Amino acid sequence: MRFSTLTRASTGAEGPIWSRPRKRKRRVSAASLVNTLLVLLALIGALTLVLSIRAGSVETAGRTMDGWIATAWAHGQALIDRTPSPSR
């Protein structure tokens, strides 16, 4: 079969349809956010378990983690100059 005029494919349309680049942007799914949160929760759970075994009770492990959080919070507040620097 011959064409009377020169026919060319449009730009980017070379090849089969399944191998052509997509024109739409892919949406960011919520699955990546959910997976990140689940990984963080799993890490916190593993840390609690290890500290509970090491300290002998969940209560002591909780107190230890609360101390870490309080220390980090105090240092964070000092970094943004909302409160005086923590005493050492």
N, C-alpha and C. Protein backbone atom coordinates (compact mmCIF):
# COMPACT_ATOMS: atom_id res chain seq x y z
N MET A 1 0.85 -1.17 0.00
CA MET A 1 0.00 0.00 0.00
C MET A 1 0.90 1.24 0.00
N ARG A 2 0.60 2.15 -0.90
CA ARG A 2 1.39 3.37 -1.00
C ARG A 2 0.51 4.57 -0.68
N PHE A 3 1.14 5.55 0.00
CA PHE A 3 0.45 6.79 0.31
C PHE A 3 0.89 7.85 -0.69
N SER A 4 -0.03 8.69 -1.06
CA SER A 4 0.31 9.72 -2.03
C SER A 4 1.13 10.84 -1.39
N THR A 5 0.99 11.05 -0.09
CA THR A 5 1.79 12.07 0.59
C THR A 5 2.61 11.40 1.69
N LEU A 6 3.65 12.09 2.07
CA LEU A 6 4.53 11.58 3.11
C LEU A 6 3.80 11.62 4.45
N THR A 7 3.73 10.49 5.12
CA THR A 7 3.02 10.40 6.40
C THR A 7 4.01 10.03 7.49
N ARG A 8 3.97 10.79 8.57
CA ARG A 8 4.88 10.51 9.68
C ARG A 8 4.09 10.46 10.98
N ALA A 9 4.62 9.72 11.91
CA ALA A 9 4.00 9.65 13.23
C ALA A 9 4.25 10.95 13.97
N SER A 10 3.33 11.30 14.84
CA SER A 10 3.52 12.52 15.62
C SER A 10 4.70 12.33 16.57
N THR A 11 5.22 13.43 17.05
CA THR A 11 6.39 13.38 17.92
C THR A 11 6.08 12.59 19.18
N GLY A 12 6.94 11.65 19.51
CA GLY A 12 6.76 10.84 20.71
C GLY A 12 5.81 9.68 20.53
N ALA A 13 5.30 9.48 19.33
CA ALA A 13 4.33 8.41 19.10
C ALA A 13 4.93 7.26 18.33
N GLU A 14 6.26 7.18 18.29
CA GLU A 14 6.88 6.08 17.58
C GLU A 14 6.76 4.81 18.41
N GLY A 15 6.51 3.71 17.77
CA GLY A 15 6.43 2.44 18.46
C GLY A 15 5.01 2.10 18.87
N PRO A 16 4.86 0.93 19.46
CA PRO A 16 3.52 0.49 19.87
C PRO A 16 2.95 1.36 20.98
N ILE A 17 1.65 1.33 21.11
CA ILE A 17 0.97 2.22 22.05
C ILE A 17 1.36 1.94 23.50
N TRP A 18 1.65 0.68 23.82
CA TRP A 18 1.98 0.36 25.22
C TRP A 18 3.37 0.83 25.61
N SER A 19 4.20 1.19 24.66
CA SER A 19 5.55 1.65 25.00
C SER A 19 5.69 3.16 24.89
N ARG A 20 4.63 3.85 24.56
CA ARG A 20 4.69 5.30 24.45
C ARG A 20 4.71 5.93 25.84
N PRO A 21 5.37 7.07 25.95
CA PRO A 21 5.38 7.74 27.25
C PRO A 21 4.00 8.25 27.63
N ARG A 22 3.73 8.24 28.92
CA ARG A 22 2.43 8.74 29.38
C ARG A 22 2.43 10.25 29.39
N LYS A 23 1.30 10.81 29.04
CA LYS A 23 1.18 12.26 29.03
C LYS A 23 0.69 12.79 30.36
N ARG A 24 -0.03 11.95 31.11
CA ARG A 24 -0.53 12.39 32.41
C ARG A 24 0.53 12.15 33.48
N LYS A 25 0.54 13.01 34.46
CA LYS A 25 1.41 12.79 35.60
C LYS A 25 0.77 11.74 36.50
N ARG A 26 1.61 10.91 37.08
CA ARG A 26 1.08 9.93 38.02
C ARG A 26 0.76 10.61 39.33
N ARG A 27 -0.33 10.20 39.91
CA ARG A 27 -0.70 10.76 41.21
C ARG A 27 0.13 10.10 42.30
N VAL A 28 0.45 10.89 43.31
CA VAL A 28 1.14 10.33 44.46
C VAL A 28 0.09 9.66 45.32
N SER A 29 0.29 8.40 45.58
CA SER A 29 -0.71 7.67 46.34
C SER A 29 -0.46 7.82 47.83
N ALA A 30 -1.49 7.57 48.60
CA ALA A 30 -1.38 7.65 50.05
C ALA A 30 -0.68 6.43 50.61
N ALA A 31 -0.45 5.42 49.79
CA ALA A 31 0.19 4.20 50.28
C ALA A 31 1.60 4.46 50.78
N SER A 32 2.34 5.36 50.15
CA SER A 32 3.70 5.65 50.61
C SER A 32 3.69 6.30 51.98
N LEU A 33 2.74 7.19 52.23
CA LEU A 33 2.63 7.81 53.54
C LEU A 33 2.23 6.78 54.60
N VAL A 34 1.29 5.94 54.27
CA VAL A 34 0.84 4.90 55.21
C VAL A 34 1.99 3.94 55.51
N ASN A 35 2.74 3.55 54.49
CA ASN A 35 3.87 2.65 54.70
C ASN A 35 4.93 3.27 55.60
N THR A 36 5.20 4.56 55.41
CA THR A 36 6.17 5.25 56.25
C THR A 36 5.71 5.28 57.70
N LEU A 37 4.44 5.58 57.92
CA LEU A 37 3.92 5.59 59.28
C LEU A 37 3.97 4.21 59.92
N LEU A 38 3.67 3.18 59.15
CA LEU A 38 3.72 1.82 59.68
C LEU A 38 5.14 1.41 60.05
N VAL A 39 6.11 1.81 59.24
CA VAL A 39 7.51 1.50 59.56
C VAL A 39 7.93 2.21 60.84
N LEU A 40 7.54 3.48 60.99
CA LEU A 40 7.88 4.22 62.21
C LEU A 40 7.24 3.58 63.44
N LEU A 41 5.98 3.18 63.32
CA LEU A 41 5.32 2.51 64.44
C LEU A 41 5.99 1.18 64.77
N ALA A 42 6.40 0.44 63.76
CA ALA A 42 7.09 -0.83 64.00
C ALA A 42 8.43 -0.61 64.70
N LEU A 43 9.15 0.45 64.30
CA LEU A 43 10.42 0.76 64.96
C LEU A 43 10.22 1.15 66.42
N ILE A 44 9.20 1.95 66.68
CA ILE A 44 8.90 2.34 68.06
C ILE A 44 8.51 1.12 68.88
N GLY A 45 7.72 0.23 68.30
CA GLY A 45 7.34 -1.00 68.99
C GLY A 45 8.53 -1.89 69.28
N ALA A 46 9.44 -2.02 68.31
CA ALA A 46 10.64 -2.84 68.52
C ALA A 46 11.52 -2.22 69.60
N LEU A 47 11.66 -0.90 69.59
CA LEU A 47 12.45 -0.23 70.63
C LEU A 47 11.84 -0.44 72.00
N THR A 48 10.52 -0.34 72.10
CA THR A 48 9.84 -0.57 73.37
C THR A 48 10.05 -2.00 73.85
N LEU A 49 9.97 -2.95 72.95
CA LEU A 49 10.16 -4.35 73.31
C LEU A 49 11.57 -4.60 73.82
N VAL A 50 12.57 -4.08 73.11
CA VAL A 50 13.96 -4.27 73.52
C VAL A 50 14.21 -3.61 74.87
N LEU A 51 13.72 -2.39 75.04
CA LEU A 51 13.92 -1.70 76.33
C LEU A 51 13.18 -2.40 77.45
N SER A 52 12.01 -2.95 77.18
CA SER A 52 11.26 -3.67 78.20
C SER A 52 12.00 -4.91 78.66
N ILE A 53 12.57 -5.63 77.72
CA ILE A 53 13.34 -6.83 78.08
C ILE A 53 14.59 -6.43 78.85
N ARG A 54 15.26 -5.38 78.40
CA ARG A 54 16.50 -4.95 79.04
C ARG A 54 16.26 -4.38 80.44
N ALA A 55 15.20 -3.58 80.59
CA ALA A 55 14.93 -2.92 81.88
C ALA A 55 14.13 -3.82 82.82
N GLY A 56 13.46 -4.81 82.29
CA GLY A 56 12.71 -5.72 83.15
C GLY A 56 11.23 -5.42 83.22
N SER A 57 10.79 -4.26 82.76
CA SER A 57 9.35 -3.95 82.77
C SER A 57 9.05 -2.91 81.70
N VAL A 58 7.79 -2.91 81.27
CA VAL A 58 7.35 -1.94 80.28
C VAL A 58 7.32 -0.54 80.89
N GLU A 59 6.99 -0.47 82.18
CA GLU A 59 6.92 0.83 82.86
C GLU A 59 8.28 1.52 82.85
N THR A 60 9.32 0.79 83.17
CA THR A 60 10.66 1.37 83.18
C THR A 60 11.09 1.78 81.77
N ALA A 61 10.75 0.96 80.80
CA ALA A 61 11.07 1.30 79.41
C ALA A 61 10.34 2.57 78.99
N GLY A 62 9.08 2.71 79.40
CA GLY A 62 8.32 3.91 79.09
C GLY A 62 8.91 5.15 79.72
N ARG A 63 9.34 5.00 80.98
CA ARG A 63 9.98 6.14 81.65
C ARG A 63 11.27 6.54 80.93
N THR A 64 12.04 5.56 80.49
CA THR A 64 13.28 5.85 79.77
C THR A 64 12.99 6.60 78.47
N MET A 65 12.01 6.13 77.72
CA MET A 65 11.66 6.79 76.46
C MET A 65 11.09 8.18 76.71
N ASP A 66 10.29 8.35 77.76
CA ASP A 66 9.77 9.68 78.11
C ASP A 66 10.90 10.64 78.45
N GLY A 67 11.92 10.13 79.12
CA GLY A 67 13.08 10.96 79.43
C GLY A 67 13.80 11.40 78.17
N TRP A 68 13.93 10.49 77.21
CA TRP A 68 14.57 10.84 75.94
C TRP A 68 13.77 11.90 75.20
N ILE A 69 12.46 11.73 75.19
CA ILE A 69 11.59 12.68 74.49
C ILE A 69 11.66 14.05 75.16
N ALA A 70 11.63 14.08 76.50
CA ALA A 70 11.69 15.35 77.23
C ALA A 70 13.02 16.06 76.96
N THR A 71 14.11 15.30 76.95
CA THR A 71 15.42 15.89 76.67
C THR A 71 15.48 16.46 75.25
N ALA A 72 14.98 15.69 74.29
CA ALA A 72 14.98 16.16 72.90
C ALA A 72 14.10 17.40 72.75
N TRP A 73 12.96 17.42 73.43
CA TRP A 73 12.06 18.57 73.36
C TRP A 73 12.72 19.81 73.95
N ALA A 74 13.39 19.65 75.09
CA ALA A 74 14.06 20.79 75.72
C ALA A 74 15.17 21.34 74.83
N HIS A 75 15.93 20.45 74.22
CA HIS A 75 17.00 20.91 73.33
C HIS A 75 16.42 21.56 72.07
N GLY A 76 15.32 21.04 71.57
CA GLY A 76 14.67 21.64 70.41
C GLY A 76 14.14 23.03 70.72
N GLN A 77 13.54 23.18 71.90
CA GLN A 77 13.06 24.50 72.31
C GLN A 77 14.22 25.48 72.45
N ALA A 78 15.34 25.01 72.98
CA ALA A 78 16.51 25.88 73.14
C ALA A 78 17.07 26.28 71.77
N LEU A 79 16.99 25.39 70.80
CA LEU A 79 17.51 25.71 69.47
C LEU A 79 16.72 26.82 68.79
N ILE A 80 15.44 26.87 69.04
CA ILE A 80 14.64 27.92 68.40
C ILE A 80 14.43 29.11 69.33
N ASP A 81 15.18 29.14 70.42
CA ASP A 81 15.20 30.27 71.35
C ASP A 81 13.85 30.61 71.95
N ARG A 82 13.04 29.61 72.24
CA ARG A 82 11.77 29.87 72.90
C ARG A 82 11.92 29.83 74.42
N THR A 83 12.88 29.06 74.87
CA THR A 83 13.13 28.94 76.31
C THR A 83 14.63 29.04 76.54
N PRO A 84 15.03 29.29 77.76
CA PRO A 84 16.46 29.30 78.03
C PRO A 84 17.06 27.91 77.81
N SER A 85 18.36 27.86 77.57
CA SER A 85 19.01 26.57 77.30
C SER A 85 18.89 25.66 78.52
N PRO A 86 18.75 24.35 78.31
CA PRO A 86 18.59 23.42 79.42
C PRO A 86 19.85 23.37 80.27
N SER A 87 19.65 23.20 81.56
CA SER A 87 20.80 23.14 82.47
C SER A 87 21.51 21.81 82.29
N ARG A 88 22.81 21.85 82.45
CA ARG A 88 23.60 20.62 82.28
C ARG A 88 24.21 20.21 83.57
